Amino acid sequence: MTRSPRDLYVDALDVLLRSKIAPVARAQDWELLREVARLAQSDAPLDLAMTDPALFQSWRAAVTRFHLGGGPR
């Protein structure tokens, strides 16, 4: 099944925010794992701090958990 770039982004953000990386790794969904890592490395967009502060805060916390859990830096 091929995901659109938007679907991949939404799925990866959901995985990152919910810290559900292990099931994705077990499923060997490399495309999704790469996108999760890309989102974590690029960090939360700064404009979210003004437009959606709750999402910005959640995203930043998820990135911290990702890196503390041994994700790519």
C-alpha atoms as a PDB file:
ATOM      1  CA  MET A   1       0.000   0.000   0.000  1.00  0.00           C
ATOM      2  CA  THR A   2       1.380   3.381  -0.994  1.00  0.00           C
ATOM      3  CA  ARG A   3       0.760   6.330   1.284  1.00  0.00           C
ATOM      4  CA  SER A   4       0.504   9.863   0.023  1.00  0.00           C
ATOM      5  CA  PRO A   5       3.101  12.282   1.413  1.00  0.00           C
ATOM      6  CA  ARG A   6       0.359  13.883   3.528  1.00  0.00           C
ATOM      7  CA  ASP A   7      -0.773  10.504   4.928  1.00  0.00           C
ATOM      8  CA  LEU A   8       2.827   9.606   5.716  1.00  0.00           C
ATOM      9  CA  TYR A   9       3.313  12.928   7.532  1.00  0.00           C
ATOM     10  CA  VAL A  10       0.103  12.519   9.559  1.00  0.00           C
ATOM     11  CA  ASP A  11       0.900   8.895  10.448  1.00  0.00           C
ATOM     12  CA  ALA A  12       4.469   9.766  11.454  1.00  0.00           C
ATOM     13  CA  LEU A  13       3.378  12.687  13.604  1.00  0.00           C
ATOM     14  CA  ASP A  14       0.839  10.432  15.335  1.00  0.00           C
ATOM     15  CA  VAL A  15       3.532   7.807  16.008  1.00  0.00           C
ATOM     16  CA  LEU A  16       5.909  10.460  17.339  1.00  0.00           C
ATOM     17  CA  LEU A  17       3.347  12.176  19.575  1.00  0.00           C
ATOM     18  CA  ARG A  18       2.085   8.887  21.015  1.00  0.00           C
ATOM     19  CA  SER A  19       5.601   7.405  21.403  1.00  0.00           C
ATOM     20  CA  LYS A  20       4.501   4.295  19.480  1.00  0.00           C
ATOM     21  CA  ILE A  21       7.757   3.738  17.612  1.00  0.00           C
ATOM     22  CA  ALA A  22       8.357   0.154  18.780  1.00  0.00           C
ATOM     23  CA  PRO A  23       5.280  -1.324  17.045  1.00  0.00           C
ATOM     24  CA  VAL A  24       6.237   0.448  13.825  1.00  0.00           C
ATOM     25  CA  ALA A  25       9.770  -0.959  14.087  1.00  0.00           C
ATOM     26  CA  ARG A  26       8.414  -4.455  14.732  1.00  0.00           C
ATOM     27  CA  ALA A  27       6.251  -4.097  11.625  1.00  0.00           C
ATOM     28  CA  GLN A  28       9.392  -3.041   9.738  1.00  0.00           C
ATOM     29  CA  ASP A  29       7.659  -0.016   8.242  1.00  0.00           C
ATOM     30  CA  TRP A  30      10.906   1.671   7.255  1.00  0.00           C
ATOM     31  CA  GLU A  31       9.227   4.448   5.304  1.00  0.00           C
ATOM     32  CA  LEU A  32       7.209   5.476   8.359  1.00  0.00           C
ATOM     33  CA  LEU A  33      10.229   5.179  10.668  1.00  0.00           C
ATOM     34  CA  ARG A  34      12.270   7.435   8.381  1.00  0.00           C
ATOM     35  CA  GLU A  35       9.504  10.038   8.431  1.00  0.00           C
ATOM     36  CA  VAL A  36       9.232   9.851  12.242  1.00  0.00           C
ATOM     37  CA  ALA A  37      12.987  10.400  12.493  1.00  0.00           C
ATOM     38  CA  ARG A  38      12.800  13.298  10.026  1.00  0.00           C
ATOM     39  CA  LEU A  39      10.033  14.975  12.042  1.00  0.00           C
ATOM     40  CA  ALA A  40      11.971  14.493  15.275  1.00  0.00           C
ATOM     41  CA  GLN A  41      15.173  15.874  13.788  1.00  0.00           C
ATOM     42  CA  SER A  42      13.475  18.906  12.266  1.00  0.00           C
ATOM     43  CA  ASP A  43      11.659  19.607  15.565  1.00  0.00           C
ATOM     44  CA  ALA A  44       8.299  21.326  15.933  1.00  0.00           C
ATOM     45  CA  PRO A  45       7.733  24.268  13.588  1.00  0.00           C
ATOM     46  CA  LEU A  46       8.129  27.504  15.531  1.00  0.00           C
ATOM     47  CA  ASP A  47       4.966  29.027  14.069  1.00  0.00           C
ATOM     48  CA  LEU A  48       2.987  26.378  15.961  1.00  0.00           C
ATOM     49  CA  ALA A  49       3.930  28.130  19.196  1.00  0.00           C
ATOM     50  CA  MET A  50       1.552  30.924  18.174  1.00  0.00           C
ATOM     51  CA  THR A  51      -1.034  29.051  16.112  1.00  0.00           C
ATOM     52  CA  ASP A  52      -1.375  25.835  18.153  1.00  0.00           C
ATOM     53  CA  PRO A  53       0.565  26.076  21.435  1.00  0.00           C
ATOM     54  CA  ALA A  54      -0.717  22.718  22.730  1.00  0.00           C
ATOM     55  CA  LEU A  55       0.496  20.866  19.630  1.00  0.00           C
ATOM     56  CA  PHE A  56       3.806  22.736  19.745  1.00  0.00           C
ATOM     57  CA  GLN A  57       4.344  21.742  23.368  1.00  0.00           C
ATOM     58  CA  SER A  58       3.345  18.113  22.723  1.00  0.00           C
ATOM     59  CA  TRP A  59       5.586  17.895  19.662  1.00  0.00           C
ATOM     60  CA  ARG A  60       8.578  19.319  21.548  1.00  0.00           C
ATOM     61  CA  ALA A  61       8.038  16.848  24.414  1.00  0.00           C
ATOM     62  CA  ALA A  62       7.758  13.982  21.914  1.00  0.00           C
ATOM     63  CA  VAL A  63      11.030  15.011  20.267  1.00  0.00           C
ATOM     64  CA  THR A  64      12.738  15.032  23.659  1.00  0.00           C
ATOM     65  CA  ARG A  65      11.381  11.537  24.448  1.00  0.00           C
ATOM     66  CA  PHE A  66      12.483  10.360  21.004  1.00  0.00           C
ATOM     67  CA  HIS A  67      16.068  11.529  21.533  1.00  0.00           C
ATOM     68  CA  LEU A  68      16.250  10.321  25.140  1.00  0.00           C
ATOM     69  CA  GLY A  69      15.003   6.932  23.938  1.00  0.00           C
ATOM     70  CA  GLY A  70      17.977   6.602  21.607  1.00  0.00           C
ATOM     71  CA  GLY A  71      16.512   7.964  18.387  1.00  0.00           C
ATOM     72  CA  PRO A  72      18.836   9.409  15.743  1.00  0.00           C
ATOM     73  CA  ARG A  73      20.385  12.767  16.517  1.00  0.00           C
END
